C-alpha atoms as a PDB file:
ATOM      1  CA  MET A   1    -267.266  18.514   1.353  1.00  0.00           C
ATOM      2  CA  SER A   2    -267.105  17.818  -2.525  1.00  0.00           C
ATOM      3  CA  ALA A   3    -265.824  21.095  -3.292  1.00  0.00           C
ATOM      4  CA  VAL A   4    -262.669  20.271  -0.798  1.00  0.00           C
ATOM      5  CA  LEU A   5    -261.769  17.093  -2.308  1.00  0.00           C
ATOM      6  CA  GLU A   6    -262.426  18.578  -6.047  1.00  0.00           C
ATOM      7  CA  ASP A   7    -259.987  21.291  -5.319  1.00  0.00           C
ATOM      8  CA  ALA A   8    -257.328  18.738  -3.575  1.00  0.00           C
ATOM      9  CA  LEU A   9    -257.730  16.537  -6.836  1.00  0.00           C
ATOM     10  CA  ARG A  10    -257.342  19.661  -9.044  1.00  0.00           C
ATOM     11  CA  VAL A  11    -253.868  20.580  -7.239  1.00  0.00           C
ATOM     12  CA  PHE A  12    -252.701  17.234  -7.280  1.00  0.00           C
ATOM     13  CA  ARG A  13    -253.081  16.977 -11.033  1.00  0.00           C
ATOM     14  CA  ARG A  14    -251.893  20.123 -11.886  1.00  0.00           C
ATOM     15  CA  TYR A  15    -248.655  20.035  -9.972  1.00  0.00           C
ATOM     16  CA  ALA A  16    -247.542  16.617  -9.705  1.00  0.00           C
ATOM     17  CA  THR A  17    -245.272  16.956 -12.458  1.00  0.00           C
ATOM     18  CA  SER A  18    -244.274  20.506 -11.904  1.00  0.00           C
ATOM     19  CA  THR A  19    -240.521  21.443 -11.280  1.00  0.00           C
ATOM     20  CA  SER A  20    -241.532  24.964 -10.013  1.00  0.00           C
ATOM     21  CA  ARG A  21    -240.427  25.205  -6.338  1.00  0.00           C
ATOM     22  CA  ARG A  22    -243.852  26.951  -5.435  1.00  0.00           C
ATOM     23  CA  ASP A  23    -246.000  24.359  -7.517  1.00  0.00           C
ATOM     24  CA  ARG A  24    -244.037  21.662  -5.641  1.00  0.00           C
ATOM     25  CA  GLU A  25    -244.757  23.324  -2.067  1.00  0.00           C
ATOM     26  CA  LEU A  26    -248.725  23.422  -3.016  1.00  0.00           C
ATOM     27  CA  PHE A  27    -248.263  19.549  -4.359  1.00  0.00           C
ATOM     28  CA  ASP A  28    -246.581  18.529  -1.492  1.00  0.00           C
ATOM     29  CA  GLU A  29    -249.475  20.025   0.637  1.00  0.00           C
ATOM     30  CA  VAL A  30    -251.740  18.262  -1.042  1.00  0.00           C
ATOM     31  CA  ARG A  31    -250.310  14.915  -1.017  1.00  0.00           C
ATOM     32  CA  GLU A  32    -249.918  15.199   2.643  1.00  0.00           C
ATOM     33  CA  TRP A  33    -253.533  16.044   3.015  1.00  0.00           C
ATOM     34  CA  PHE A  34    -254.262  12.913   0.768  1.00  0.00           C
ATOM     35  CA  ALA A  35    -252.006  10.636   2.891  1.00  0.00           C
ATOM     36  CA  ALA A  36    -252.985  11.683   6.280  1.00  0.00           C
ATOM     37  CA  ASP A  37    -255.250   9.219   8.556  1.00  0.00           C
ATOM     38  CA  GLU A  38    -256.338  11.993  10.805  1.00  0.00           C
ATOM     39  CA  ASP A  39    -260.219  11.942  11.442  1.00  0.00           C
ATOM     40  CA  GLY A  40    -260.103  14.735  14.228  1.00  0.00           C
ATOM     41  CA  TRP A  41    -261.513  17.587  11.884  1.00  0.00           C
ATOM     42  CA  PRO A  42    -264.449  17.460   9.388  1.00  0.00           C
ATOM     43  CA  PHE A  43    -262.574  18.292   6.383  1.00  0.00           C
ATOM     44  CA  SER A  44    -259.749  15.545   6.790  1.00  0.00           C
ATOM     45  CA  PHE A  45    -259.468  13.326   3.780  1.00  0.00           C
ATOM     46  CA  VAL A  46    -260.417  10.125   5.261  1.00  0.00           C
ATOM     47  CA  ASN A  47    -263.603  12.061   6.681  1.00  0.00           C
ATOM     48  CA  ILE A  48    -264.863  13.340   3.503  1.00  0.00           C
ATOM     49  CA  CYS A  49    -264.245   9.946   1.733  1.00  0.00           C
ATOM     50  CA  GLU A  50    -266.307   8.551   4.423  1.00  0.00           C
ATOM     51  CA  VAL A  51    -269.208  10.995   3.843  1.00  0.00           C
ATOM     52  CA  LEU A  52    -269.197  10.898  -0.048  1.00  0.00           C
ATOM     53  CA  GLY A  53    -269.020   7.165   0.473  1.00  0.00           C
ATOM     54  CA  LEU A  54    -265.614   6.870  -1.344  1.00  0.00           C
ATOM     55  CA  SER A  55    -262.841   4.549  -0.742  1.00  0.00           C
ATOM     56  CA  ALA A  56    -259.666   6.475   0.716  1.00  0.00           C
ATOM     57  CA  ALA A  57    -257.586   3.740  -0.160  1.00  0.00           C
ATOM     58  CA  ARG A  58    -258.394   3.358  -3.823  1.00  0.00           C
ATOM     59  CA  ILE A  59    -258.049   6.822  -4.388  1.00  0.00           C
ATOM     60  CA  ARG A  60    -254.768   7.115  -2.989  1.00  0.00           C
ATOM     61  CA  LEU A  61    -253.620   4.164  -4.935  1.00  0.00           C
ATOM     62  CA  ALA A  62    -254.879   5.980  -8.111  1.00  0.00           C
ATOM     63  CA  LEU A  63    -253.091   9.023  -7.177  1.00  0.00           C
ATOM     64  CA  ALA A  64    -249.646   7.591  -6.550  1.00  0.00           C
ATOM     65  CA  GLN A  65    -250.054   6.265 -10.213  1.00  0.00           C
ATOM     66  CA  ILE A  66    -251.025   9.642 -11.427  1.00  0.00           C
ATOM     67  CA  ALA A  67    -247.941  11.053  -9.604  1.00  0.00           C
ATOM     68  CA  SER A  68    -245.548   8.865 -11.293  1.00  0.00           C
ATOM     69  CA  VAL A  69    -246.448   9.955 -14.861  1.00  0.00           C
ATOM     70  CA  PRO A  70    -243.809  11.322 -17.504  1.00  0.00           C
ATOM     71  CA  PRO A  71    -242.983  15.166 -16.819  1.00  0.00           C
ATOM     72  CA  ARG A  72    -245.260  17.860 -18.469  1.00  0.00           C
ATOM     73  CA  GLY A  73    -245.128  17.765 -22.447  1.00  0.00           C
ATOM     74  CA  ALA A  74    -244.472  13.791 -22.635  1.00  0.00           C
ATOM     75  CA  SER A  75    -247.966  12.725 -23.793  1.00  0.00           C
ATOM     76  CA  ILE A  76    -249.864  13.483 -20.233  1.00  0.00           C
ATOM     77  CA  HIS A  77    -252.586  14.365 -21.962  1.00  0.00           C
ATOM     78  CA  GLN A  78    -253.227  10.814 -22.933  1.00  0.00           C
ATOM     79  CA  HIS A  79    -252.618   9.165 -19.644  1.00  0.00           C
ATOM     80  CA  ARG A  80    -255.177   6.915 -18.295  1.00  0.00           C
ATOM     81  CA  VAL A  81    -255.135   4.956 -14.517  1.00  0.00           C
ATOM     82  CA  GLU A  82    -257.518   2.357 -13.952  1.00  0.00           C
ATOM     83  CA  THR A  83    -257.496   0.590 -10.515  1.00  0.00           C
ATOM     84  CA  ASP A  84    -260.289  -1.643  -9.400  1.00  0.00           C
ATOM     85  CA  HIS A  85    -263.393   0.687  -9.668  1.00  0.00           C
ATOM     86  CA  VAL A  86    -261.280   3.761  -9.613  1.00  0.00           C
ATOM     87  CA  THR A  87    -260.540   5.531 -12.638  1.00  0.00           C
ATOM     88  CA  VAL A  88    -258.445   8.714 -12.922  1.00  0.00           C
ATOM     89  CA  SER A  89    -258.191  10.229 -16.340  1.00  0.00           C
ATOM     90  CA  ARG A  90    -255.855  13.046 -16.671  1.00  0.00           C
ATOM     91  CA  ASP A  91    -257.518  14.125 -20.031  1.00  0.00           C
ATOM     92  CA  ALA A  92    -260.806  14.013 -18.945  1.00  0.00           C
ATOM     93  CA  GLY A  93    -260.191  15.167 -15.279  1.00  0.00           C
ATOM     94  CA  ASN A  94    -262.445  12.507 -13.194  1.00  0.00           C
ATOM     95  CA  LEU A  95    -262.007  10.351 -10.824  1.00  0.00           C
ATOM     96  CA  ARG A  96    -264.780   7.583 -10.741  1.00  0.00           C
ATOM     97  CA  THR A  97    -265.022   5.472  -7.430  1.00  0.00           C
ATOM     98  CA  GLY A  98    -267.861   2.815  -8.214  1.00  0.00           C
ATOM     99  CA  THR A  99    -270.998   4.676  -9.166  1.00  0.00           C
ATOM    100  CA  SER A 100    -269.278   8.191  -7.764  1.00  0.00           C
ATOM    101  CA  THR A 101    -267.868  10.733  -9.925  1.00  0.00           C
ATOM    102  CA  ILE A 102    -265.669  13.659  -9.009  1.00  0.00           C
ATOM    103  CA  SER A 103    -264.578  16.225 -11.214  1.00  0.00           C
ATOM    104  CA  ALA A 104    -261.125  17.171 -10.844  1.00  0.00           C
ATOM    105  CA  GLN A 105    -260.582  19.784 -13.636  1.00  0.00           C
END
């Protein structure tokens, strides 16, 4: 399950500021997956968070902040967001919630 979340984080980070149509479609698909509150299938975002002991709300907040970073090339490699036990670092590619660390590279 962590591999599914890691892949979604990787896609989100990679295409959050892209202007390519294909990249934006991939980003939109992953953004919708993060936003969905469905729990009817094992690999839904909320189910994965529950199994891994992560806060879906905190992750969503951090991802919303990443999506608002400047376009590529505008010092995004040093962009870092910290939100109440959730740290998303674009340069390190890590998402930390409490004591859990999930690599997003």
